[in-house]
């Protein structure tokens, strides 16, 4: 999600963060010892909110806004996928890939909410219309 790639039917959309976070994942997902003298480092899935506060105020409100916009789209797509008649079609497979990409990213496409929304909206539109599979760009 961070790189804005891997989905179907939507152009690549790298996260704005990917342009400013030169260390990519490590910027937010690195464990450092609690004491300045500790030299313990490692990967963690816990978010270092202090990093976000360099550019954003009220990160919890920001994330809540993303969740409020993305969760209904994900639920809508999930219902369409559950009821789609041809689960072997390329259309279904691509839409399911987009759904999975978004929900496995913190449930709300947290690493790239703009891309997450586009993936979900496009998948919903195409499943509803039953458009030919040639409409998927990837």
N, C-alpha and C. Protein backbone atom coordinates (compact mmCIF):
# COMPACT_ATOMS: atom_id res chain seq x y z
N UNK A 1 0.82 -1.19 0.00
CA UNK A 1 0.00 0.00 0.00
C UNK A 1 0.87 1.26 0.00
N UNK A 2 1.92 1.25 0.77
CA UNK A 2 2.78 2.42 0.89
C UNK A 2 3.28 2.88 -0.48
N UNK A 3 3.65 1.91 -1.31
CA UNK A 3 4.17 2.25 -2.64
C UNK A 3 3.05 2.51 -3.64
N UNK A 4 1.80 2.22 -3.25
CA UNK A 4 0.67 2.47 -4.14
C UNK A 4 0.64 1.56 -5.34
N UNK A 5 1.09 0.33 -5.16
CA UNK A 5 1.11 -0.65 -6.25
C UNK A 5 0.49 -1.95 -5.76
N UNK A 6 0.20 -2.84 -6.71
CA UNK A 6 -0.30 -4.16 -6.35
C UNK A 6 -1.78 -4.35 -6.53
N UNK A 7 -2.52 -3.27 -6.71
CA UNK A 7 -3.95 -3.37 -6.91
C UNK A 7 -4.29 -3.51 -8.38
N UNK A 8 -5.58 -3.68 -8.66
CA UNK A 8 -6.05 -3.83 -10.03
C UNK A 8 -7.03 -2.72 -10.40
N UNK A 9 -6.93 -2.25 -11.62
CA UNK A 9 -7.90 -1.31 -12.16
C UNK A 9 -7.68 0.14 -11.80
N UNK A 10 -6.65 0.42 -11.06
CA UNK A 10 -6.34 1.78 -10.62
C UNK A 10 -4.86 2.04 -10.91
N UNK A 11 -4.57 3.24 -11.39
CA UNK A 11 -3.16 3.55 -11.65
C UNK A 11 -2.38 3.54 -10.34
N UNK A 12 -1.09 3.31 -10.45
CA UNK A 12 -0.23 3.34 -9.27
C UNK A 12 -0.33 4.71 -8.61
N UNK A 13 -0.42 4.72 -7.29
CA UNK A 13 -0.57 5.96 -6.53
C UNK A 13 0.30 5.89 -5.28
N UNK A 14 1.59 6.15 -5.41
CA UNK A 14 2.44 6.12 -4.21
C UNK A 14 1.91 7.07 -3.14
N UNK A 15 2.02 6.64 -1.91
CA UNK A 15 1.61 7.47 -0.78
C UNK A 15 2.44 8.74 -0.76
N UNK A 16 1.82 9.82 -0.32
CA UNK A 16 2.58 11.07 -0.15
C UNK A 16 3.72 10.85 0.84
N UNK A 17 3.50 9.97 1.80
CA UNK A 17 4.54 9.67 2.77
C UNK A 17 5.78 9.05 2.13
N UNK A 18 5.57 8.32 1.05
CA UNK A 18 6.72 7.67 0.41
C UNK A 18 7.70 8.68 -0.15
N UNK A 19 7.24 9.91 -0.35
CA UNK A 19 8.11 10.95 -0.88
C UNK A 19 8.92 11.64 0.21
N UNK A 20 8.42 11.62 1.44
CA UNK A 20 9.10 12.34 2.51
C UNK A 20 9.75 11.43 3.55
N UNK A 21 9.33 10.19 3.59
CA UNK A 21 9.89 9.25 4.57
C UNK A 21 10.98 8.43 3.89
N UNK A 22 12.18 8.95 3.94
CA UNK A 22 13.28 8.34 3.19
C UNK A 22 13.63 6.94 3.69
N UNK A 23 13.36 6.65 4.95
CA UNK A 23 13.66 5.32 5.47
C UNK A 23 12.48 4.37 5.34
N UNK A 24 11.44 4.82 4.63
CA UNK A 24 10.23 4.02 4.36
C UNK A 24 9.68 3.41 5.65
N UNK A 25 9.51 2.10 5.70
CA UNK A 25 8.85 1.43 6.82
C UNK A 25 9.55 1.68 8.17
N UNK A 26 10.86 1.74 8.11
CA UNK A 26 11.64 1.89 9.33
C UNK A 26 11.31 3.19 10.06
N UNK A 27 10.89 4.21 9.33
CA UNK A 27 10.57 5.49 9.95
C UNK A 27 9.58 5.31 11.09
N UNK A 28 8.57 4.48 10.90
CA UNK A 28 7.52 4.30 11.91
C UNK A 28 7.59 2.96 12.63
N UNK A 29 8.16 1.96 12.00
CA UNK A 29 8.09 0.61 12.54
C UNK A 29 9.45 0.10 13.00
N UNK A 30 10.07 0.83 13.89
CA UNK A 30 11.35 0.38 14.46
C UNK A 30 11.27 0.52 15.97
N UNK A 31 11.69 -0.50 16.66
CA UNK A 31 11.73 -0.45 18.11
C UNK A 31 13.09 0.06 18.53
N UNK A 32 13.09 1.02 19.40
CA UNK A 32 14.34 1.50 19.99
C UNK A 32 14.20 1.37 21.49
N UNK A 33 15.27 1.10 22.16
CA UNK A 33 15.24 0.98 23.61
C UNK A 33 14.66 2.22 24.27
N UNK A 34 14.08 2.04 25.45
CA UNK A 34 13.44 3.16 26.15
C UNK A 34 14.46 4.15 26.69
N UNK A 35 15.58 3.67 27.05
CA UNK A 35 16.64 4.54 27.57
C UNK A 35 17.55 4.95 26.43
N UNK A 36 18.01 6.17 26.47
CA UNK A 36 18.89 6.66 25.40
C UNK A 36 20.16 5.83 25.27
N UNK A 37 20.57 5.21 26.35
CA UNK A 37 21.79 4.43 26.31
C UNK A 37 21.57 3.02 25.76
N UNK A 38 20.31 2.58 25.71
CA UNK A 38 20.03 1.24 25.17
C UNK A 38 20.29 1.21 23.68
N UNK A 39 20.89 0.17 23.22
CA UNK A 39 21.14 0.02 21.79
C UNK A 39 20.38 -1.21 21.28
N UNK A 40 19.09 -1.25 21.63
CA UNK A 40 18.25 -2.36 21.21
C UNK A 40 17.36 -1.85 20.09
N UNK A 41 17.44 -2.51 18.93
CA UNK A 41 16.65 -2.11 17.78
C UNK A 41 15.96 -3.34 17.20
N UNK A 42 14.90 -3.13 16.52
CA UNK A 42 14.22 -4.23 15.86
C UNK A 42 12.92 -3.76 15.23
N UNK A 43 12.30 -4.65 14.47
CA UNK A 43 11.05 -4.35 13.79
C UNK A 43 9.88 -4.50 14.76
N UNK A 44 8.89 -3.65 14.62
CA UNK A 44 7.67 -3.74 15.39
C UNK A 44 6.50 -3.29 14.54
N UNK A 45 5.32 -3.81 14.84
CA UNK A 45 4.12 -3.35 14.16
C UNK A 45 3.44 -2.23 14.95
N UNK A 46 3.99 -1.92 16.11
CA UNK A 46 3.48 -0.79 16.88
C UNK A 46 3.92 0.50 16.19
N UNK A 47 3.01 1.45 16.14
CA UNK A 47 3.31 2.71 15.45
C UNK A 47 3.93 3.69 16.42
N UNK A 48 4.95 4.36 15.96
CA UNK A 48 5.59 5.41 16.74
C UNK A 48 4.86 6.72 16.40
N UNK A 49 3.85 7.07 17.19
CA UNK A 49 3.03 8.26 16.93
C UNK A 49 3.84 9.55 16.88
N UNK A 50 4.97 9.56 17.55
CA UNK A 50 5.79 10.78 17.57
C UNK A 50 6.25 11.16 16.17
N UNK A 51 6.46 10.18 15.34
CA UNK A 51 6.86 10.44 13.95
C UNK A 51 5.75 11.20 13.23
N UNK A 52 4.51 10.78 13.42
CA UNK A 52 3.36 11.42 12.76
C UNK A 52 3.21 12.88 13.19
N UNK A 53 3.50 13.14 14.44
CA UNK A 53 3.29 14.48 14.99
C UNK A 53 4.25 15.52 14.42
N UNK A 54 5.28 15.07 13.70
CA UNK A 54 6.17 16.03 13.04
C UNK A 54 5.42 16.84 11.98
N UNK A 55 4.42 16.20 11.34
CA UNK A 55 3.68 16.87 10.27
C UNK A 55 2.18 16.99 10.54
N UNK A 56 1.64 16.13 11.39
CA UNK A 56 0.19 16.08 11.60
C UNK A 56 -0.14 16.36 13.06
N UNK A 57 -1.23 17.10 13.27
CA UNK A 57 -1.79 17.24 14.60
C UNK A 57 -2.94 16.26 14.70
N UNK A 58 -3.27 15.85 15.88
CA UNK A 58 -4.44 14.99 16.09
C UNK A 58 -4.45 13.77 15.18
N UNK A 59 -3.44 12.94 15.31
CA UNK A 59 -3.34 11.77 14.44
C UNK A 59 -4.50 10.80 14.64
N UNK A 60 -5.01 10.71 15.86
CA UNK A 60 -6.14 9.81 16.11
C UNK A 60 -7.38 10.27 15.35
N UNK A 61 -7.60 11.57 15.25
CA UNK A 61 -8.73 12.12 14.51
C UNK A 61 -8.53 11.88 13.01
N UNK A 62 -7.31 12.04 12.55
CA UNK A 62 -6.99 11.79 11.15
C UNK A 62 -7.29 10.34 10.78
N UNK A 63 -6.84 9.41 11.63
CA UNK A 63 -7.06 7.99 11.36
C UNK A 63 -8.54 7.64 11.46
N UNK A 64 -9.26 8.26 12.37
CA UNK A 64 -10.70 8.03 12.49
C UNK A 64 -11.41 8.47 11.22
N UNK A 65 -10.99 9.60 10.65
CA UNK A 65 -11.57 10.07 9.39
C UNK A 65 -11.34 9.08 8.26
N UNK A 66 -10.12 8.53 8.18
CA UNK A 66 -9.84 7.52 7.16
C UNK A 66 -10.76 6.32 7.35
N UNK A 67 -10.87 5.87 8.60
CA UNK A 67 -11.69 4.70 8.92
C UNK A 67 -13.16 4.96 8.53
N UNK A 68 -13.65 6.16 8.81
CA UNK A 68 -15.05 6.50 8.50
C UNK A 68 -15.31 6.51 6.99
N UNK A 69 -14.31 6.85 6.19
CA UNK A 69 -14.48 6.88 4.73
C UNK A 69 -14.26 5.51 4.11
N UNK A 70 -13.31 4.77 4.63
CA UNK A 70 -12.90 3.52 3.98
C UNK A 70 -13.69 2.31 4.44
N UNK A 71 -14.03 2.23 5.71
CA UNK A 71 -14.75 1.05 6.22
C UNK A 71 -16.07 0.79 5.49
N UNK A 72 -16.92 1.81 5.26
CA UNK A 72 -18.16 1.52 4.53
C UNK A 72 -17.91 1.02 3.11
N UNK A 73 -16.88 1.52 2.46
CA UNK A 73 -16.54 1.04 1.12
C UNK A 73 -16.09 -0.41 1.16
N UNK A 74 -15.27 -0.75 2.16
CA UNK A 74 -14.79 -2.13 2.30
C UNK A 74 -15.96 -3.06 2.59
N UNK A 75 -16.89 -2.63 3.43
CA UNK A 75 -18.06 -3.45 3.75
C UNK A 75 -18.94 -3.65 2.51
N UNK A 76 -19.10 -2.60 1.75
CA UNK A 76 -19.90 -2.67 0.52
C UNK A 76 -19.27 -3.64 -0.48
N UNK A 77 -17.96 -3.54 -0.65
CA UNK A 77 -17.27 -4.43 -1.57
C UNK A 77 -17.34 -5.87 -1.08
N UNK A 78 -17.18 -6.08 0.21
CA UNK A 78 -17.24 -7.43 0.78
C UNK A 78 -18.59 -8.07 0.48
N UNK A 79 -19.66 -7.30 0.63
CA UNK A 79 -20.99 -7.83 0.35
C UNK A 79 -21.14 -8.20 -1.14
N UNK A 80 -20.62 -7.34 -2.01
CA UNK A 80 -20.66 -7.64 -3.45
C UNK A 80 -19.87 -8.90 -3.77
N UNK A 81 -18.70 -9.02 -3.16
CA UNK A 81 -17.87 -10.20 -3.39
C UNK A 81 -18.56 -11.47 -2.90
N UNK A 82 -19.15 -11.39 -1.71
CA UNK A 82 -19.84 -12.56 -1.15
C UNK A 82 -20.98 -13.03 -2.03
N UNK A 83 -21.63 -12.09 -2.71
CA UNK A 83 -22.81 -12.42 -3.51
C UNK A 83 -22.52 -12.51 -5.01
N UNK A 84 -21.27 -12.35 -5.40
CA UNK A 84 -20.95 -12.36 -6.82
C UNK A 84 -21.09 -13.79 -7.35
N UNK A 85 -21.77 -13.95 -8.48
CA UNK A 85 -22.08 -15.30 -8.96
C UNK A 85 -20.90 -16.10 -9.51
N UNK A 86 -19.89 -15.44 -10.07
CA UNK A 86 -18.79 -16.17 -10.71
C UNK A 86 -17.48 -15.87 -10.01
N UNK A 87 -17.19 -16.65 -9.00
CA UNK A 87 -16.00 -16.42 -8.18
C UNK A 87 -14.70 -16.87 -8.86
N UNK A 88 -14.81 -17.36 -10.06
CA UNK A 88 -13.62 -17.73 -10.84
C UNK A 88 -13.29 -16.70 -11.91
N UNK A 89 -14.15 -15.72 -12.08
CA UNK A 89 -13.92 -14.72 -13.14
C UNK A 89 -12.76 -13.81 -12.77
N UNK A 90 -12.11 -13.30 -13.77
CA UNK A 90 -11.01 -12.36 -13.54
C UNK A 90 -11.47 -11.11 -12.81
N UNK A 91 -12.69 -10.69 -13.08
CA UNK A 91 -13.26 -9.51 -12.44
C UNK A 91 -13.36 -9.74 -10.93
N UNK A 92 -13.90 -10.88 -10.55
CA UNK A 92 -14.02 -11.21 -9.12
C UNK A 92 -12.64 -11.32 -8.47
N UNK A 93 -11.74 -12.02 -9.12
CA UNK A 93 -10.40 -12.24 -8.56
C UNK A 93 -9.68 -10.91 -8.34
N UNK A 94 -9.76 -10.01 -9.31
CA UNK A 94 -9.10 -8.72 -9.18
C UNK A 94 -9.75 -7.87 -8.08
N UNK A 95 -11.07 -7.86 -8.02
CA UNK A 95 -11.76 -7.09 -6.98
C UNK A 95 -11.45 -7.66 -5.60
N UNK A 96 -11.38 -8.96 -5.50
CA UNK A 96 -11.05 -9.59 -4.22
C UNK A 96 -9.61 -9.26 -3.80
N UNK A 97 -8.71 -9.21 -4.78
CA UNK A 97 -7.32 -8.82 -4.49
C UNK A 97 -7.28 -7.41 -3.92
N UNK A 98 -8.04 -6.50 -4.53
CA UNK A 98 -8.08 -5.12 -4.03
C UNK A 98 -8.63 -5.06 -2.62
N UNK A 99 -9.70 -5.81 -2.37
CA UNK A 99 -10.30 -5.84 -1.03
C UNK A 99 -9.28 -6.34 -0.01
N UNK A 100 -8.63 -7.43 -0.33
CA UNK A 100 -7.65 -8.02 0.58
C UNK A 100 -6.48 -7.07 0.83
N UNK A 101 -6.02 -6.41 -0.20
CA UNK A 101 -4.92 -5.46 -0.07
C UNK A 101 -5.27 -4.36 0.92
N UNK A 102 -6.50 -3.86 0.86
CA UNK A 102 -6.92 -2.77 1.74
C UNK A 102 -7.13 -3.26 3.17
N UNK A 103 -7.87 -4.34 3.35
CA UNK A 103 -8.20 -4.74 4.72
C UNK A 103 -7.02 -5.32 5.49
N UNK A 104 -6.04 -5.85 4.78
CA UNK A 104 -4.87 -6.36 5.49
C UNK A 104 -3.87 -5.24 5.82
N UNK A 105 -4.18 -4.05 5.40
CA UNK A 105 -3.33 -2.89 5.70
C UNK A 105 -3.96 -2.09 6.84
N UNK A 106 -4.01 -2.70 8.00
CA UNK A 106 -4.56 -2.01 9.16
C UNK A 106 -6.07 -1.83 9.10
N UNK A 107 -6.72 -2.54 8.21
CA UNK A 107 -8.16 -2.47 8.10
C UNK A 107 -8.69 -1.27 7.34
N UNK A 108 -7.87 -0.29 7.14
CA UNK A 108 -8.34 0.93 6.47
C UNK A 108 -7.35 1.46 5.45
N UNK A 109 -6.46 0.64 4.99
CA UNK A 109 -5.49 1.14 4.02
C UNK A 109 -4.65 2.25 4.62
N UNK A 110 -4.27 2.08 5.84
CA UNK A 110 -3.63 3.14 6.62
C UNK A 110 -2.35 3.69 5.99
N UNK A 111 -1.65 2.87 5.23
CA UNK A 111 -0.41 3.34 4.63
C UNK A 111 -0.62 4.17 3.37
N UNK A 112 -1.85 4.16 2.86
CA UNK A 112 -2.15 4.93 1.66
C UNK A 112 -3.67 5.02 1.50
N UNK A 113 -4.33 5.83 2.31
CA UNK A 113 -5.79 5.87 2.29
C UNK A 113 -6.38 6.32 0.95
N UNK A 114 -5.72 7.18 0.25
CA UNK A 114 -6.23 7.65 -1.05
C UNK A 114 -6.26 6.48 -2.04
N UNK A 115 -5.21 5.71 -2.09
CA UNK A 115 -5.14 4.54 -2.96
C UNK A 115 -6.17 3.49 -2.53
N UNK A 116 -6.30 3.29 -1.23
CA UNK A 116 -7.27 2.33 -0.71
C UNK A 116 -8.68 2.67 -1.17
N UNK A 117 -9.05 3.94 -1.06
CA UNK A 117 -10.38 4.37 -1.48
C UNK A 117 -10.60 4.14 -2.97
N UNK A 118 -9.61 4.46 -3.76
CA UNK A 118 -9.74 4.28 -5.21
C UNK A 118 -9.88 2.80 -5.58
N UNK A 119 -9.11 1.94 -4.92
CA UNK A 119 -9.21 0.51 -5.19
C UNK A 119 -10.61 0.00 -4.87
N UNK A 120 -11.14 0.41 -3.73
CA UNK A 120 -12.46 -0.06 -3.31
C UNK A 120 -13.56 0.50 -4.21
N UNK A 121 -13.50 1.80 -4.48
CA UNK A 121 -14.53 2.42 -5.32
C UNK A 121 -14.55 1.81 -6.72
N UNK A 122 -13.39 1.62 -7.31
CA UNK A 122 -13.31 1.06 -8.65
C UNK A 122 -13.82 -0.38 -8.68
N UNK A 123 -13.48 -1.15 -7.67
CA UNK A 123 -13.93 -2.54 -7.60
C UNK A 123 -15.45 -2.61 -7.46
N UNK A 124 -16.01 -1.76 -6.62
CA UNK A 124 -17.47 -1.70 -6.44
C UNK A 124 -18.15 -1.36 -7.76
N UNK A 125 -17.65 -0.34 -8.41
CA UNK A 125 -18.22 0.10 -9.68
C UNK A 125 -18.21 -1.01 -10.72
N UNK A 126 -17.07 -1.67 -10.85
CA UNK A 126 -16.94 -2.71 -11.87
C UNK A 126 -17.76 -3.95 -11.55
N UNK A 127 -17.82 -4.35 -10.28
CA UNK A 127 -18.64 -5.51 -9.93
C UNK A 127 -20.12 -5.22 -10.14
N UNK A 128 -20.53 -4.01 -9.81
CA UNK A 128 -21.94 -3.64 -10.00
C UNK A 128 -22.31 -3.59 -11.48
N UNK A 129 -21.41 -3.09 -12.29
CA UNK A 129 -21.73 -2.93 -13.71
C UNK A 129 -21.51 -4.22 -14.49
N UNK A 130 -20.68 -5.13 -13.94
CA UNK A 130 -20.37 -6.35 -14.65
C UNK A 130 -19.55 -6.09 -15.90
N UNK A 131 -18.81 -4.97 -15.90
CA UNK A 131 -17.98 -4.59 -17.06
C UNK A 131 -17.05 -5.72 -17.46
N UNK A 132 -16.71 -5.71 -18.71
CA UNK A 132 -15.78 -6.72 -19.24
C UNK A 132 -14.46 -6.66 -18.49
N UNK A 133 -13.82 -7.78 -18.40
CA UNK A 133 -12.56 -7.87 -17.67
C UNK A 133 -11.47 -7.02 -18.29
N UNK A 134 -11.64 -6.59 -19.51
CA UNK A 134 -10.61 -5.78 -20.16
C UNK A 134 -10.51 -4.41 -19.51
N UNK A 135 -11.46 -4.06 -18.62
CA UNK A 135 -11.41 -2.75 -17.97
C UNK A 135 -10.34 -2.71 -16.89
N UNK A 136 -9.83 -3.86 -16.47
CA UNK A 136 -8.77 -3.88 -15.46
C UNK A 136 -7.45 -3.60 -16.13
N UNK A 137 -6.70 -2.68 -15.54
CA UNK A 137 -5.42 -2.32 -16.15
C UNK A 137 -4.31 -3.30 -15.80
N UNK A 138 -4.47 -4.04 -14.72
CA UNK A 138 -3.44 -5.00 -14.31
C UNK A 138 -4.09 -6.32 -14.07
